Amino acid sequence: MAGIISSADIDVTGNLAATGAVSTTSGDVTVGGNLTTGSTLMSAGLLSVTETSELGGNVTTTGTQTYSGAVILTNDVEIDAGMSDIIFSSTIDSEDGSAFDLIVATSGITRFQNIIGGTDELLSLSVTGDGPIEIGGNAVSYTHLTLPT
């Protein structure tokens, strides 16, 4: 889908592929399938993705972000949830043969529940904000890691 998607709520039972900006004016973004972004995704509420997320642009929400499926970076990406939680239930990798930066910004909990960079490493992983960081995966592969002190 090209152009800009803007709505109070965005609820997709299948896949959402957007090359333009995606934003909500007051609600949530819920994707029951795969999410592919080439630009910025902004939500005034939460973001919940059931399947794979291919992120090529920054993601900003005021509510919790939950990535149940794998996350694949197709560009340098900043994920910001303000004061809410960011939960990665599956793997996080860069696109095949590339290495991209991931910045995770939140004052809520940042939870990594699986392998980070196990298939295609990240160039860097930075977690900013004053929330706790939970790492449950058994491997992290990156060139540079920055965590708050």
Protein backbone atom coordinates (compact mmCIF):
# COMPACT_ATOMS: atom_id res chain seq x y z
CA MET A 1 0.00 0.00 0.00
CA ALA A 2 1.62 3.28 -1.08
CA GLY A 3 0.92 6.73 0.27
CA ILE A 4 -0.18 7.56 3.81
CA ILE A 5 -2.55 5.49 5.94
CA SER A 6 -4.17 7.52 8.73
CA SER A 7 -7.07 6.37 10.87
CA ALA A 8 -8.42 6.29 14.41
CA ASP A 9 -7.67 2.53 14.63
CA ILE A 10 -5.99 0.20 12.16
CA ASP A 11 -6.98 -3.44 12.55
CA VAL A 12 -5.72 -5.82 9.88
CA THR A 13 -6.54 -9.51 10.13
CA GLY A 14 -4.06 -10.39 7.35
CA ASN A 15 -0.83 -8.73 6.26
CA LEU A 16 -0.05 -4.99 6.23
CA ALA A 17 2.57 -3.80 3.73
CA ALA A 18 3.05 -0.03 3.55
CA THR A 19 5.70 1.94 1.69
CA GLY A 20 4.31 5.25 2.98
CA ALA A 21 3.70 6.48 6.52
CA VAL A 22 1.20 4.70 8.76
CA SER A 23 -0.39 6.59 11.66
CA THR A 24 -3.36 6.52 14.01
CA THR A 25 -4.98 9.66 15.35
CA SER A 26 -6.20 8.16 18.62
CA GLY A 27 -6.13 4.38 18.50
CA ASP A 28 -4.20 1.18 18.09
CA VAL A 29 -2.50 -0.69 15.25
CA THR A 30 -3.19 -4.43 15.30
CA VAL A 31 -1.80 -6.70 12.58
CA GLY A 32 -2.87 -10.35 12.59
CA GLY A 33 -0.40 -11.27 9.83
CA ASN A 34 2.92 -9.85 8.66
CA LEU A 35 3.90 -6.17 8.95
CA THR A 36 6.18 -4.59 6.34
CA THR A 37 7.05 -0.88 6.61
CA GLY A 38 9.22 1.24 4.38
CA SER A 39 8.54 4.45 6.28
CA THR A 40 7.48 5.69 9.71
CA LEU A 41 4.74 3.98 11.72
CA MET A 42 3.17 6.11 14.47
CA SER A 43 0.37 5.03 16.78
CA ALA A 44 -1.42 7.01 19.45
CA GLY A 45 -2.11 3.66 21.10
CA LEU A 46 -0.50 0.25 21.07
CA LEU A 47 1.09 -1.81 18.30
CA SER A 48 0.59 -5.56 18.17
CA VAL A 49 1.98 -7.72 15.35
CA THR A 50 1.29 -11.46 15.32
CA GLU A 51 3.59 -12.58 12.49
CA THR A 52 6.88 -11.28 10.98
CA SER A 53 7.68 -7.54 11.11
CA GLU A 54 9.98 -6.19 8.38
CA LEU A 55 10.87 -2.73 9.62
CA GLY A 56 12.44 -0.16 7.30
CA GLY A 57 11.29 2.94 9.19
CA ASN A 58 10.99 4.15 12.76
CA VAL A 59 8.10 3.01 14.95
CA THR A 60 6.64 5.35 17.59
CA THR A 61 3.71 4.64 19.90
CA THR A 62 2.35 5.87 23.20
CA GLY A 63 1.22 2.34 24.09
CA THR A 64 2.91 -1.04 24.38
CA GLN A 65 4.55 -2.55 21.31
CA THR A 66 4.37 -6.35 21.02
CA TYR A 67 6.20 -8.19 18.26
CA SER A 68 5.10 -11.84 18.53
CA GLY A 69 6.78 -12.92 15.28
CA ALA A 70 10.32 -12.40 14.02
CA VAL A 71 11.58 -8.83 13.50
CA ILE A 72 13.75 -8.18 10.42
CA LEU A 73 15.45 -4.80 10.02
CA THR A 74 15.63 -3.56 6.42
CA ASN A 75 17.18 -0.24 7.47
CA ASP A 76 18.40 1.50 10.64
CA VAL A 77 15.35 1.65 12.93
CA GLU A 78 14.36 3.39 16.15
CA ILE A 79 11.49 1.89 18.13
CA ASP A 80 10.00 4.24 20.75
CA ALA A 81 7.12 3.43 23.10
CA GLY A 82 7.36 6.46 25.38
CA MET A 83 6.55 5.20 28.87
CA SER A 84 5.12 1.84 27.72
CA ASP A 85 6.68 -1.60 27.25
CA ILE A 86 8.37 -3.03 24.15
CA ILE A 87 8.23 -6.82 23.88
CA PHE A 88 10.10 -8.92 21.31
CA SER A 89 8.83 -12.51 21.63
CA SER A 90 10.78 -13.91 18.66
CA THR A 91 14.11 -13.33 16.92
CA ILE A 92 15.52 -9.98 15.77
CA ASP A 93 17.80 -9.95 12.72
CA SER A 94 19.04 -7.62 10.01
CA GLU A 95 18.00 -8.27 6.41
CA ASP A 96 20.06 -10.96 4.63
CA GLY A 97 23.66 -9.87 4.14
CA SER A 98 23.20 -6.48 5.81
CA ALA A 99 23.78 -5.14 9.30
CA PHE A 100 21.52 -2.40 10.64
CA ASP A 101 21.25 -0.37 13.86
CA LEU A 102 18.34 -0.88 16.26
CA ILE A 103 17.56 1.74 18.89
CA VAL A 104 14.93 0.81 21.46
CA ALA A 105 13.67 3.76 23.52
CA THR A 106 11.23 3.42 26.40
CA SER A 107 10.75 4.17 30.07
CA GLY A 108 8.78 0.93 30.32
CA ILE A 109 10.12 -2.62 30.23
CA THR A 110 12.21 -3.69 27.23
CA ARG A 111 11.90 -7.47 26.89
CA PHE A 112 13.97 -9.61 24.51
CA GLN A 113 12.64 -13.19 24.72
CA ASN A 114 14.61 -14.82 21.91
CA ILE A 115 17.85 -14.68 19.90
CA ILE A 116 19.09 -11.28 18.71
CA GLY A 117 21.17 -11.26 15.52
CA GLY A 118 21.44 -15.04 15.38
CA THR A 119 20.91 -15.33 11.62
CA ASP A 120 22.05 -11.87 10.42
CA GLU A 121 23.69 -9.79 13.12
CA LEU A 122 22.76 -6.22 13.96
CA LEU A 123 25.36 -3.51 13.46
CA SER A 124 24.40 -2.12 16.86
CA LEU A 125 21.72 -2.48 19.52
CA SER A 126 21.07 0.49 21.79
CA VAL A 127 18.50 0.54 24.57
CA THR A 128 17.72 3.98 25.96
CA GLY A 129 15.36 5.14 28.67
CA ASP A 130 15.18 4.34 32.34
CA GLY A 131 13.04 1.20 32.19
CA PRO A 132 14.28 -2.28 33.06
CA ILE A 133 15.75 -4.56 30.38
CA GLU A 134 14.92 -8.27 30.36
CA ILE A 135 16.96 -10.58 28.12
CA GLY A 136 15.59 -14.11 27.91
CA GLY A 137 17.17 -15.25 24.64
CA ASN A 138 20.25 -17.41 24.73
CA ALA A 139 22.35 -15.49 22.20
CA VAL A 140 23.04 -11.93 21.14
CA SER A 141 25.15 -11.14 18.05
CA TYR A 142 26.02 -7.51 17.35
CA THR A 143 28.93 -5.26 16.55
CA HIS A 144 28.12 -2.64 19.21
CA LEU A 145 25.83 -2.77 22.28
CA THR A 146 24.75 0.22 24.35
CA LEU A 147 22.68 -0.14 27.50
CA PRO A 148 21.78 2.52 30.05
CA THR A 149 23.81 2.48 33.27
